[in-house]
Amino acid sequence: MPLIYDLHAHSIVSDGSLTPAELVARAKLMGVDVLALTDHDATDGLAEAGQAATEQGIILVPGVEVSVTWNGATIHIIGLGIDPQCAALQEGLKKLREFRKWRAGEIARRLSAKGIDGALEGAEKFATGALISRTHFARFLVENGYARDIRDVFKRYLVHNKPGYVPGQWATLEEAVSWINAAGGQAVVAHPGRYRLTASKLRQLLAEFKACGGAGLEVVSSAHSQSDCLTMARYSAQFDFLASRGSDYHGPEHIWVELGKIPPLPVECQPIWHNWQSHVPV
């Protein structure tokens, strides 16, 4: 029976709602054999998750999800099989977290200007890890009746041209890939079907990613429709990328996403894990 891989998941270290150990336990419950913890711009949860994985009898792939600004758009690049002790990686992630700290204050200031006070303190209540994300602000806004749910918050408050939107100033594509490669990992474009890019812009992104040393494409994602998965499989073949599979799980409150409960890779794809015995410290 083939192993079940889920190579994109978050804990409370970034914007998930489970501790790293709780995340691993849920992955085990859901039948996941190989899990990657890929918190945004932070690796603080990997030690706890690794210990829990040993206890639960599943394989943990050390990972991270790096925030990138490309042609004015925010893109996420996953690093799989990284060495979290790599100085170049940690120096880069530290800069991103410093920007996140500034952005949190600016989001709160902009929301206050629209009559929503106490947003920073409210977001901090939900942020128990290394950073404050927009999701933490969303939870505060839902709790205080400003929106029905997290999706509604983003639609009304936290995207372009809305009151709490602050443009990202993240790593360059080349920086993100170089940090991941320096840490011995494989760089993967996360949920490419989620970005609002034309087909020509997406091909441009993938070509530049390949030129930077990128290794893979997240073909199967909870953010992808069946049509998206097939499209990304074609791009994976066109650009000679390895194919990844990840739920982008954030917690049980997101009832539409579950660990491991996503389609298998299309049969024509070469899985990113096909030669991990020699490439990834699992």
Protein backbone atom coordinates (compact mmCIF):
# COMPACT_ATOMS: atom_id res chain seq x y z
CA MET A 1 0.00 0.00 0.00
CA PRO A 2 1.52 3.38 -0.98
CA LEU A 3 2.45 5.87 1.71
CA ILE A 4 0.21 8.90 2.27
CA TYR A 5 2.15 12.15 1.96
CA ASP A 6 0.97 15.57 3.15
CA LEU A 7 3.75 18.08 2.55
CA HIS A 8 2.15 21.39 3.53
CA ALA A 9 0.79 22.03 7.03
CA HIS A 10 0.90 24.74 9.71
CA SER A 11 1.04 24.91 13.50
CA ILE A 12 0.61 27.66 16.10
CA VAL A 13 4.20 28.69 15.36
CA SER A 14 2.70 30.60 12.42
CA ASP A 15 -1.03 30.75 11.64
CA GLY A 16 -2.23 27.26 12.48
CA SER A 17 -4.33 26.50 15.55
CA LEU A 18 -2.70 23.23 16.73
CA THR A 19 0.62 22.84 18.49
CA PRO A 20 3.26 20.97 16.48
CA ALA A 21 2.67 17.86 18.59
CA GLU A 22 -1.11 18.12 18.18
CA LEU A 23 -0.67 18.53 14.42
CA VAL A 24 1.41 15.35 14.23
CA ALA A 25 -1.13 13.45 16.33
CA ARG A 26 -3.94 14.53 14.01
CA ALA A 27 -1.89 13.54 10.97
CA LYS A 28 -1.48 10.08 12.47
CA LEU A 29 -5.22 9.89 13.14
CA MET A 30 -5.94 10.85 9.52
CA GLY A 31 -3.68 8.13 8.18
CA VAL A 32 -0.81 10.35 7.03
CA ASP A 33 2.50 8.49 6.83
CA VAL A 34 4.79 11.40 5.86
CA LEU A 35 4.06 14.94 7.08
CA ALA A 36 5.88 18.19 6.39
CA LEU A 37 5.54 21.01 8.90
CA THR A 38 5.84 24.19 6.81
CA ASP A 39 5.13 27.16 9.04
CA HIS A 40 5.30 30.62 7.51
CA ASP A 41 8.79 32.14 7.78
CA ALA A 42 9.64 30.16 10.93
CA THR A 43 11.04 26.76 11.91
CA ASP A 44 10.52 26.94 15.68
CA GLY A 45 8.07 24.03 15.75
CA LEU A 46 10.25 21.43 14.04
CA ALA A 47 11.91 20.03 17.17
CA GLU A 48 8.59 19.44 18.94
CA ALA A 49 7.04 18.00 15.79
CA GLY A 50 10.02 15.72 15.25
CA GLN A 51 9.77 14.29 18.74
CA ALA A 52 6.02 13.77 18.35
CA ALA A 53 6.52 12.08 14.98
CA THR A 54 8.95 9.62 16.54
CA GLU A 55 6.41 8.84 19.26
CA GLN A 56 3.53 8.54 16.78
CA GLY A 57 5.45 6.41 14.30
CA ILE A 58 5.20 8.71 11.30
CA ILE A 59 7.88 10.48 9.27
CA LEU A 60 8.33 14.24 9.65
CA VAL A 61 9.87 16.24 6.82
CA PRO A 62 11.37 19.48 8.18
CA GLY A 63 9.99 22.36 6.17
CA VAL A 64 9.16 26.05 5.96
CA GLU A 65 6.97 28.29 3.79
CA VAL A 66 8.83 31.41 2.68
CA SER A 67 6.99 34.60 1.74
CA VAL A 68 8.07 36.11 -1.59
CA THR A 69 7.21 39.26 -3.51
CA TRP A 70 7.28 38.64 -7.26
CA ASN A 71 6.11 41.23 -9.81
CA GLY A 72 4.03 42.88 -7.09
CA ALA A 73 2.31 39.64 -6.09
CA THR A 74 2.82 37.61 -2.90
CA ILE A 75 3.98 34.10 -3.69
CA HIS A 76 4.78 31.31 -1.23
CA ILE A 77 7.75 28.99 -1.69
CA ILE A 78 7.91 25.82 0.40
CA GLY A 79 11.24 24.38 1.49
CA LEU A 80 11.18 20.62 2.07
CA GLY A 81 13.91 18.65 3.81
CA ILE A 82 15.67 21.72 5.15
CA ASP A 83 18.33 21.87 7.83
CA PRO A 84 16.78 24.34 10.31
CA GLN A 85 20.24 25.14 11.70
CA CYS A 86 21.36 26.71 8.40
CA ALA A 87 22.54 30.26 9.15
CA ALA A 88 21.63 31.66 5.73
CA LEU A 89 18.08 30.36 6.02
CA GLN A 90 17.60 31.64 9.55
CA GLU A 91 19.02 35.09 8.75
CA GLY A 92 16.59 35.40 5.86
CA LEU A 93 13.59 34.23 7.88
CA LYS A 94 14.46 36.64 10.68
CA LYS A 95 14.17 39.59 8.26
CA LEU A 96 10.76 38.37 7.12
CA ARG A 97 9.52 38.07 10.70
CA GLU A 98 10.73 41.60 11.43
CA PHE A 99 8.65 42.85 8.52
CA ARG A 100 5.67 40.85 9.79
CA LYS A 101 6.00 42.58 13.16
CA TRP A 102 5.93 46.01 11.50
CA ARG A 103 3.03 44.96 9.25
CA ALA A 104 0.97 43.85 12.25
CA GLY A 105 1.23 47.30 13.77
CA GLU A 106 0.30 48.91 10.47
CA ILE A 107 -2.73 46.63 9.99
CA ALA A 108 -3.93 47.57 13.47
CA ARG A 109 -3.41 51.27 12.74
CA ARG A 110 -5.43 51.06 9.53
CA LEU A 111 -8.24 49.12 11.18
CA SER A 112 -8.32 51.67 14.00
CA ALA A 113 -8.75 54.43 11.44
CA LYS A 114 -11.92 52.63 10.37
CA GLY A 115 -13.24 52.41 13.93
CA ILE A 116 -11.91 48.97 14.89
CA ASP A 117 -9.80 49.45 18.02
CA GLY A 118 -7.70 46.93 19.92
CA ALA A 119 -6.89 44.84 16.85
CA LEU A 120 -3.19 44.38 17.62
CA GLU A 121 -3.84 43.23 21.17
CA GLY A 122 -6.65 41.02 19.93
CA ALA A 123 -4.44 39.41 17.26
CA GLU A 124 -1.65 38.89 19.79
CA LYS A 125 -4.03 36.84 21.91
CA PHE A 126 -4.25 34.29 19.11
CA ALA A 127 -0.57 34.46 18.11
CA THR A 128 1.29 32.09 20.40
CA GLY A 129 4.20 31.44 18.04
CA ALA A 130 6.97 33.38 16.34
CA LEU A 131 4.83 35.81 14.36
CA ILE A 132 1.52 37.63 13.97
CA SER A 133 -0.26 36.87 10.71
CA ARG A 134 -3.36 38.19 9.00
CA THR A 135 -5.14 35.04 10.17
CA HIS A 136 -4.66 36.13 13.78
CA PHE A 137 -6.30 39.47 12.97
CA ALA A 138 -9.07 37.54 11.21
CA ARG A 139 -9.76 35.47 14.32
CA PHE A 140 -9.97 38.64 16.41
CA LEU A 141 -12.41 40.21 13.94
CA VAL A 142 -14.64 37.11 13.89
CA GLU A 143 -14.61 36.85 17.69
CA ASN A 144 -15.73 40.46 17.97
CA GLY A 145 -18.52 40.21 15.42
CA TYR A 146 -16.98 42.15 12.54
CA ALA A 147 -17.34 39.18 10.16
CA ARG A 148 -19.02 35.78 9.93
CA ASP A 149 -15.87 33.71 9.50
CA ILE A 150 -12.21 33.95 8.46
CA ARG A 151 -13.02 33.88 4.76
CA ASP A 152 -15.44 36.76 5.25
CA VAL A 153 -12.76 38.75 7.12
CA PHE A 154 -10.26 38.46 4.29
CA LYS A 155 -12.88 39.43 1.72
CA ARG A 156 -14.00 42.50 3.66
CA TYR A 157 -10.89 43.70 5.48
CA LEU A 158 -7.53 42.17 4.59
CA VAL A 159 -7.14 42.04 0.81
CA HIS A 160 -6.24 44.71 -1.74
CA ASN A 161 -8.35 47.89 -1.50
CA LYS A 162 -9.82 46.86 1.87
CA PRO A 163 -9.33 48.72 5.20
CA GLY A 164 -6.69 46.46 6.78
CA TYR A 165 -4.66 45.63 3.71
CA VAL A 166 -0.91 46.28 3.89
CA PRO A 167 1.22 45.35 0.86
CA GLY A 168 3.89 42.73 1.48
CA GLN A 169 7.59 43.47 1.22
CA TRP A 170 8.94 39.95 1.25
CA ALA A 171 11.97 38.06 -0.03
CA THR A 172 12.80 37.95 -3.71
CA LEU A 173 12.26 34.68 -5.53
CA GLU A 174 16.01 34.24 -5.89
CA GLU A 175 16.58 34.87 -2.17
CA ALA A 176 13.95 32.37 -1.06
CA VAL A 177 15.23 29.60 -3.31
CA SER A 178 18.84 30.30 -2.35
CA TRP A 179 18.04 30.08 1.39
CA ILE A 180 16.24 26.77 0.91
CA ASN A 181 18.98 25.33 -1.26
CA ALA A 182 21.65 26.49 1.19
CA ALA A 183 19.75 24.56 3.88
CA GLY A 184 19.92 21.40 1.77
CA GLY A 185 16.21 21.50 0.93
CA GLN A 186 14.06 21.41 -2.18
CA ALA A 187 12.17 24.55 -3.15
CA VAL A 188 8.53 24.11 -4.23
CA VAL A 189 6.01 26.68 -5.48
CA ALA A 190 3.05 26.42 -3.08
CA HIS A 191 -0.55 26.24 -4.40
CA PRO A 192 0.22 27.89 -7.78
CA GLY A 193 -3.42 27.76 -8.81
CA ARG A 194 -4.34 30.15 -6.00
CA TYR A 195 -2.45 33.12 -7.37
CA ARG A 196 -4.33 35.51 -9.58
CA LEU A 197 -1.86 35.23 -12.44
CA THR A 198 -2.59 34.95 -16.12
CA ALA A 199 -1.30 31.82 -17.83
CA SER A 200 1.57 33.80 -19.35
CA LYS A 201 2.51 35.32 -15.97
CA LEU A 202 2.39 31.92 -14.29
CA ARG A 203 4.68 30.49 -16.95
CA GLN A 204 7.02 33.44 -16.42
CA LEU A 205 7.04 32.77 -12.66
CA LEU A 206 7.78 29.08 -13.17
CA ALA A 207 10.55 29.81 -15.67
CA GLU A 208 12.24 32.23 -13.27
CA PHE A 209 11.77 29.79 -10.38
CA LYS A 210 13.42 27.06 -12.42
CA ALA A 211 16.31 29.36 -13.34
CA CYS A 212 16.83 30.18 -9.64
CA GLY A 213 17.21 26.50 -8.79
CA GLY A 214 13.63 25.63 -7.85
CA ALA A 215 12.86 21.92 -7.72
CA GLY A 216 9.13 21.37 -7.54
CA LEU A 217 5.53 22.43 -7.98
CA GLU A 218 2.65 21.78 -5.58
CA VAL A 219 0.41 20.04 -8.10
CA VAL A 220 -2.21 18.83 -5.60
CA SER A 221 -3.46 21.29 -2.99
CA SER A 222 -6.67 21.96 -1.10
CA ALA A 223 -6.69 25.27 -2.98
CA HIS A 224 -6.83 23.48 -6.35
CA SER A 225 -9.81 22.20 -8.27
CA GLN A 226 -9.49 18.96 -10.23
CA SER A 227 -8.89 21.07 -13.33
CA ASP A 228 -6.17 23.04 -11.50
CA CYS A 229 -4.41 19.79 -10.54
CA LEU A 230 -4.35 18.62 -14.15
CA THR A 231 -3.11 22.02 -15.33
CA MET A 232 -0.33 22.03 -12.74
CA ALA A 233 0.62 18.49 -13.73
CA ARG A 234 1.14 19.74 -17.28
CA TYR A 235 3.25 22.64 -16.05
CA SER A 236 5.24 20.24 -13.89
CA ALA A 237 6.08 18.20 -16.97
CA GLN A 238 6.73 21.27 -19.14
CA PHE A 239 9.26 22.73 -16.71
CA ASP A 240 10.66 19.38 -15.56
CA PHE A 241 9.55 19.96 -11.96
CA LEU A 242 9.03 17.30 -9.34
CA ALA A 243 5.42 17.23 -8.12
CA SER A 244 4.33 17.80 -4.52
CA ARG A 245 1.08 17.21 -2.65
CA GLY A 246 -0.08 19.19 0.40
CA SER A 247 -3.31 20.07 2.17
CA ASP A 248 -2.18 23.48 3.49
CA TYR A 249 -3.85 22.44 6.75
CA HIS A 250 -4.27 25.14 9.42
CA GLY A 251 -6.55 23.54 11.99
CA PRO A 252 -9.86 21.74 12.59
CA GLU A 253 -11.85 24.97 12.45
CA HIS A 254 -11.20 25.00 8.68
CA ILE A 255 -13.65 22.19 8.09
CA TRP A 256 -13.16 22.23 4.31
CA VAL A 257 -9.49 21.12 4.65
CA GLU A 258 -8.17 17.97 6.36
CA LEU A 259 -4.72 16.47 6.67
CA GLY A 260 -4.07 13.89 3.98
CA LYS A 261 -7.58 14.17 2.50
CA ILE A 262 -6.60 15.46 -0.91
CA PRO A 263 -6.37 13.68 -4.28
CA PRO A 264 -3.31 11.63 -5.23
CA LEU A 265 -0.80 13.04 -7.67
CA PRO A 266 -1.73 12.53 -11.32
CA VAL A 267 -0.04 9.36 -12.54
CA GLU A 268 2.15 11.19 -15.05
CA CYS A 269 3.87 13.23 -12.31
CA GLN A 270 7.27 12.43 -10.85
CA PRO A 271 6.77 12.74 -7.05
CA ILE A 272 9.15 14.99 -5.20
CA TRP A 273 9.75 12.16 -2.74
CA HIS A 274 10.88 9.65 -5.38
CA ASN A 275 14.56 9.81 -4.32
CA TRP A 276 14.37 11.19 -0.80
CA GLN A 277 16.62 8.56 0.66
CA SER A 278 19.53 10.50 -0.83
CA HIS A 279 18.16 14.06 -0.71
CA VAL A 280 15.98 14.69 2.32
CA PRO A 281 16.82 14.12 6.01
CA VAL A 282 13.66 12.21 6.93
